[in-house]
Protein backbone atom coordinates (compact mmCIF):
# COMPACT_ATOMS: atom_id res chain seq x y z
CA UNK A 1 68.93 133.60 95.05
CA UNK A 2 66.31 133.80 97.77
CA UNK A 3 65.52 131.39 100.59
CA UNK A 4 63.15 128.56 99.63
CA UNK A 5 60.66 127.11 102.10
CA UNK A 6 59.25 123.64 101.39
CA UNK A 7 56.07 122.68 103.23
CA UNK A 8 56.36 118.90 103.52
CA UNK A 9 53.54 118.54 106.06
CA UNK A 10 50.93 117.29 103.57
CA UNK A 11 53.20 114.28 102.94
CA UNK A 12 55.29 113.79 106.06
CA UNK A 13 56.58 115.26 109.29
CA UNK A 14 60.37 115.06 109.49
CA UNK A 15 61.90 113.75 112.70
CA UNK A 16 65.20 115.22 113.92
CA UNK A 17 66.97 112.04 112.78
CA UNK A 18 65.43 112.28 109.28
CA UNK A 19 66.37 115.96 109.07
CA UNK A 20 69.97 115.07 110.04
CA UNK A 21 70.06 112.46 107.25
CA UNK A 22 68.74 114.93 104.67
CA UNK A 23 71.31 117.53 105.77
CA UNK A 24 74.14 114.96 105.67
CA UNK A 25 73.16 113.85 102.16
CA UNK A 26 73.04 117.48 100.98
CA UNK A 27 76.10 119.04 102.60
CA UNK A 28 76.32 121.61 99.82
CA UNK A 29 73.00 123.11 100.98
CA UNK A 30 72.30 125.21 104.08
CA UNK A 31 69.17 123.68 105.59
CA UNK A 32 66.96 124.53 108.55
CA UNK A 33 63.75 122.99 109.85
CA UNK A 34 60.95 125.11 111.33
CA UNK A 35 58.97 124.08 114.40
CA UNK A 36 56.02 123.55 112.03
CA UNK A 37 58.00 121.04 109.95
CA UNK A 38 58.85 123.23 106.96
CA UNK A 39 62.24 122.62 105.34
CA UNK A 40 64.14 125.83 104.58
CA UNK A 41 66.84 125.90 101.90
CA UNK A 42 69.04 128.97 102.30
CA UNK A 43 71.28 130.36 99.56
CA UNK A 44 75.03 130.59 100.07
CA UNK A 45 76.27 134.00 101.18
CA UNK A 46 78.29 136.37 99.05
CA UNK A 47 81.90 137.33 99.69
CA UNK A 48 81.28 140.38 101.88
CA UNK A 49 78.76 138.57 104.08
CA UNK A 50 81.16 135.63 104.42
CA UNK A 51 83.99 138.00 105.37
CA UNK A 52 81.82 139.72 107.97
CA UNK A 53 80.66 136.38 109.40
CA UNK A 54 84.26 135.18 109.66
CA UNK A 55 85.27 138.34 111.52
CA UNK A 56 82.38 138.01 113.98
CA UNK A 57 83.11 134.33 114.65
CA UNK A 58 86.84 135.06 115.02
CA UNK A 59 86.21 137.74 117.65
CA UNK A 60 83.81 135.52 119.59
CA UNK A 61 86.20 132.55 119.42
CA UNK A 62 89.18 134.64 120.59
CA UNK A 63 87.21 135.77 123.66
CA UNK A 64 85.98 132.22 124.34
CA UNK A 65 89.47 130.72 124.16
CA UNK A 66 90.76 133.34 126.56
CA UNK A 67 87.96 132.87 129.11
CA UNK A 68 87.32 129.13 128.59
CA UNK A 69 83.73 129.44 129.82
CA UNK A 70 81.94 128.01 126.79
CA UNK A 71 81.97 126.82 123.20
CA UNK A 72 81.61 128.82 119.97
CA UNK A 73 79.81 127.59 116.84
CA UNK A 74 79.60 128.90 113.30
CA UNK A 75 76.71 128.81 110.84
CA UNK A 76 77.37 125.20 109.86
CA UNK A 77 75.98 123.97 113.21
CA UNK A 78 72.29 123.11 113.44
CA UNK A 79 70.79 123.29 116.95
CA UNK A 80 67.66 121.28 117.79
CA UNK A 81 65.58 123.81 119.67
CA UNK A 82 63.09 122.70 122.36
CA UNK A 83 60.17 123.66 120.06
CA UNK A 84 61.34 121.13 117.45
CA UNK A 85 63.02 123.55 115.04
CA UNK A 86 66.52 122.96 113.68
CA UNK A 87 68.25 126.35 113.44
CA UNK A 88 71.71 127.55 112.38
CA UNK A 89 72.65 130.98 113.73
CA UNK A 90 75.55 132.75 112.01
CA UNK A 91 77.47 132.57 115.29
CA UNK A 92 76.52 131.02 118.61
CA UNK A 93 77.90 130.40 122.07
CA UNK A 94 76.92 127.77 124.66
CA UNK A 95 78.16 127.80 128.26
CA UNK A 96 80.54 124.98 129.24
CA UNK A 97 78.10 123.63 131.83
CA UNK A 98 75.31 123.24 129.28
CA UNK A 99 77.61 121.87 126.56
CA UNK A 100 79.25 119.36 128.89
CA UNK A 101 75.84 118.13 130.08
CA UNK A 102 75.23 116.70 126.59
CA UNK A 103 76.28 113.17 125.72
CA UNK A 104 79.07 112.69 123.18
CA UNK A 105 76.45 111.50 120.66
CA UNK A 106 74.39 114.67 121.21
CA UNK A 107 77.51 116.79 120.72
CA UNK A 108 78.36 114.92 117.48
CA UNK A 109 74.91 115.37 115.88
CA UNK A 110 72.66 118.43 115.98
CA UNK A 111 72.93 119.51 119.64
CA UNK A 112 69.51 119.36 121.36
CA UNK A 113 69.59 122.80 122.96
CA UNK A 114 69.21 126.48 122.24
CA UNK A 115 72.45 128.48 122.46
CA UNK A 116 72.87 130.97 125.30
CA UNK A 117 73.94 133.61 122.76
CA UNK A 118 73.31 133.97 119.03
CA UNK A 119 74.23 136.36 116.25
CA UNK A 120 72.40 136.67 112.96
CA UNK A 121 74.02 138.82 110.28
CA UNK A 122 71.55 139.97 107.66
CA UNK A 123 72.80 139.28 104.15
CA UNK A 124 71.57 140.96 101.00
CA UNK A 125 69.06 138.17 100.33
CA UNK A 126 67.73 137.80 103.91
CA UNK A 127 64.25 139.00 104.79
CA UNK A 128 64.45 141.26 107.86
CA UNK A 129 61.07 140.03 109.12
CA UNK A 130 62.16 136.38 108.84
CA UNK A 131 65.35 137.10 110.79
CA UNK A 132 63.44 139.02 113.47
CA UNK A 133 61.06 136.07 113.85
CA UNK A 134 64.04 133.72 114.06
CA UNK A 135 65.53 135.86 116.85
CA UNK A 136 62.22 135.76 118.74
CA UNK A 137 62.20 131.98 118.32
CA UNK A 138 65.68 131.74 119.85
CA UNK A 139 64.53 133.85 122.81
CA UNK A 140 61.36 131.77 123.26
CA UNK A 141 63.53 128.64 123.38
CA UNK A 142 65.94 129.79 126.10
CA UNK A 143 68.50 132.05 124.43
CA UNK A 144 69.67 134.72 126.86
CA UNK A 145 71.15 137.31 124.46
CA UNK A 146 70.95 137.77 120.70
CA UNK A 147 72.17 140.32 118.19
CA UNK A 148 70.61 140.81 114.78
CA UNK A 149 73.19 142.79 112.82
CA UNK A 150 71.57 144.60 109.91
CA UNK A 151 74.38 145.80 107.68
CA UNK A 152 72.03 147.39 105.17
CA UNK A 153 70.54 149.77 107.76
CA UNK A 154 73.68 149.98 109.95
CA UNK A 155 71.57 148.82 112.91
CA UNK A 156 71.78 146.16 115.57
CA UNK A 157 68.66 144.76 117.18
CA UNK A 158 69.50 143.47 120.66
CA UNK A 159 67.30 140.73 122.08
CA UNK A 160 67.50 139.95 125.80
CA UNK A 161 65.63 137.26 127.68
CA UNK A 162 62.42 138.67 129.17
CA UNK A 163 63.00 142.20 127.85
CA UNK A 164 61.85 144.35 124.95
CA UNK A 165 64.05 144.49 121.87
CA UNK A 166 66.51 147.40 121.72
CA UNK A 167 67.58 148.94 118.40
CA UNK A 168 70.99 150.62 118.27
CA UNK A 169 72.08 152.73 115.29
CA UNK A 170 75.66 152.25 113.97
CA UNK A 171 77.29 151.01 117.20
CA UNK A 172 81.06 150.64 117.04
CA UNK A 173 81.22 148.16 119.95
CA UNK A 174 78.67 145.71 121.40
CA UNK A 175 79.01 144.36 124.94
CA UNK A 176 78.32 140.74 125.85
CA UNK A 177 76.82 142.00 129.10
CA UNK A 178 76.42 139.41 131.89
CA UNK A 179 75.91 136.56 129.41
CA UNK A 180 79.42 136.93 127.92
CA UNK A 181 81.37 138.84 130.60
CA UNK A 182 84.17 140.87 129.07
CA UNK A 183 83.23 140.15 125.44
CA UNK A 184 83.18 143.19 123.19
CA UNK A 185 82.38 142.83 119.50
CA UNK A 186 84.17 145.46 117.41
CA UNK A 187 81.86 146.36 114.52
CA UNK A 188 84.14 148.80 112.68
CA UNK A 189 85.07 146.18 110.05
CA UNK A 190 81.47 144.98 109.82
CA UNK A 191 80.22 148.41 108.77
CA UNK A 192 82.89 148.70 106.02
């Protein structure tokens, strides 16, 4: 199954609150909202993609618990980006200062911020161009570091704030650099 994009703009423009209600009423669907107001319905992932996502999130969470400098989120979290989009990265991290600046209500709904760090893992059904555009959108909205892991090509595209994209072929380890000091993502199991 491929991603479906519904252009609702001829009829209505969804507010963040309306999007939250649609997502809550359809918990079995993975939904995103573009900055232009299009509703995206994403297919569920297969077993291998789910396994890889779990491993990535586990490694990020283990580092975060050890350092206690921020919060980790999985793909079930929708972030309200400053441009109006509602996006769900496969894994994300937000610094404690930024997370704690939100009200409890903002933390309970779709957090109104762009993560400091995001990971997108390309599944078999994902369009590479769509994911690259999504990564650029994160960067344009304040993300500091992002990794697009392309299992099919054994590549990682590294996005850094204010810098050109870097493409790395078959890396075994990725460094969190100054955004995630001391974090190292082991990709050996991801490439299996």
